[in-house]
Structures are given as C-alpha cells and as structure tokens.
C-alpha cells in the first residue's frame, strides 16, 4: 500500500507545471526538469498541487505508483 503515492505534491509559488500527456515539465527559478511518466500512471494538476494516480491495483501499477 503506497502512502506516499496517495499524497498530493504541493507546487510552491514561482513554479509552473506543464503536463502534456505522459510528459511532465516543472519550471522554477533554479531551472527546469522534464520527466516522462510510465504508461499506466496518470498525473493531474489541481490548483496548487499535483496528484499521481494509478488506474488499477495490478502489481505493475502499484510498483510504478510508489
């Protein structure tokens, strides 16, 4: 059971997050970071947080979710 994967990731002020399909780009005052998320995992952005979700409880999805 992933307790870390269920928590939303807060986005501080001055940081922008762009989600394009499975590619997540985070830009801030110290630079930028781009990461491609594995296929069954989805990333959603709310007002001031990012949520990482898995579609099912299969073993592979659980291991990728964290």
Protein backbone atom coordinates (compact mmCIF):
# COMPACT_ATOMS: atom_id res chain seq x y z
CA UNK A 1 0.00 0.00 0.00
CA UNK A 2 1.51 3.28 -1.11
CA UNK A 3 1.10 6.04 1.40
CA UNK A 4 3.49 8.41 -0.35
CA UNK A 5 1.85 7.99 -3.76
CA UNK A 6 -1.57 8.95 -2.39
CA UNK A 7 -0.41 12.34 -1.10
CA UNK A 8 -0.68 15.35 -3.41
CA UNK A 9 2.60 17.10 -4.24
CA UNK A 10 2.36 20.82 -3.38
CA UNK A 11 3.54 23.30 -6.01
CA UNK A 12 5.21 26.37 -4.47
CA UNK A 13 4.66 29.87 -5.82
CA UNK A 14 7.01 30.79 -8.64
CA UNK A 15 6.95 27.25 -10.03
CA UNK A 16 4.97 26.26 -13.13
CA UNK A 17 3.96 22.74 -14.10
CA UNK A 18 3.08 21.71 -17.66
CA UNK A 19 1.51 18.29 -18.27
CA UNK A 20 1.40 17.09 -21.88
CA UNK A 21 0.15 13.52 -21.96
CA UNK A 22 2.75 11.46 -20.11
CA UNK A 23 5.38 14.24 -20.10
CA UNK A 24 5.60 16.47 -17.03
CA UNK A 25 7.72 19.64 -17.13
CA UNK A 26 8.41 21.66 -13.99
CA UNK A 27 9.97 25.13 -14.32
CA UNK A 28 11.15 27.30 -11.47
CA UNK A 29 13.69 29.96 -10.55
CA UNK A 30 16.56 27.44 -10.44
CA UNK A 31 15.86 25.73 -13.78
CA UNK A 32 13.55 23.17 -15.32
CA UNK A 33 13.02 19.42 -15.15
CA UNK A 34 11.21 17.14 -17.61
CA UNK A 35 10.10 13.59 -16.84
CA UNK A 36 8.13 11.02 -18.86
CA UNK A 37 5.76 9.08 -16.61
CA UNK A 38 5.26 5.35 -17.30
CA UNK A 39 2.07 4.46 -19.19
CA UNK A 40 -0.48 3.21 -16.63
CA UNK A 41 0.24 6.13 -14.28
CA UNK A 42 -1.55 9.46 -14.79
CA UNK A 43 -0.62 12.90 -13.48
CA UNK A 44 -3.25 15.57 -12.79
CA UNK A 45 -2.77 19.16 -11.70
CA UNK A 46 -5.16 20.85 -9.27
CA UNK A 47 -4.98 24.47 -8.09
CA UNK A 48 -1.74 24.27 -6.12
CA UNK A 49 -0.82 20.58 -6.19
CA UNK A 50 -0.05 17.63 -8.44
CA UNK A 51 -1.74 14.25 -7.98
CA UNK A 52 -0.25 11.00 -9.27
CA UNK A 53 -2.85 8.27 -9.81
CA UNK A 54 -2.91 4.65 -10.88
CA UNK A 55 -5.83 3.12 -12.79
CA UNK A 56 -5.98 -0.25 -11.01
CA UNK A 57 -4.43 -2.37 -8.28
CA UNK A 58 -2.28 -4.57 -10.52
CA UNK A 59 1.21 -5.36 -9.32
CA UNK A 60 2.97 -3.31 -12.03
CA UNK A 61 0.77 -0.27 -11.44
CA UNK A 62 1.42 -0.42 -7.71
CA UNK A 63 5.18 -0.65 -8.18
CA UNK A 64 5.27 2.31 -10.57
CA UNK A 65 2.99 4.38 -8.33
CA UNK A 66 5.38 4.31 -5.41
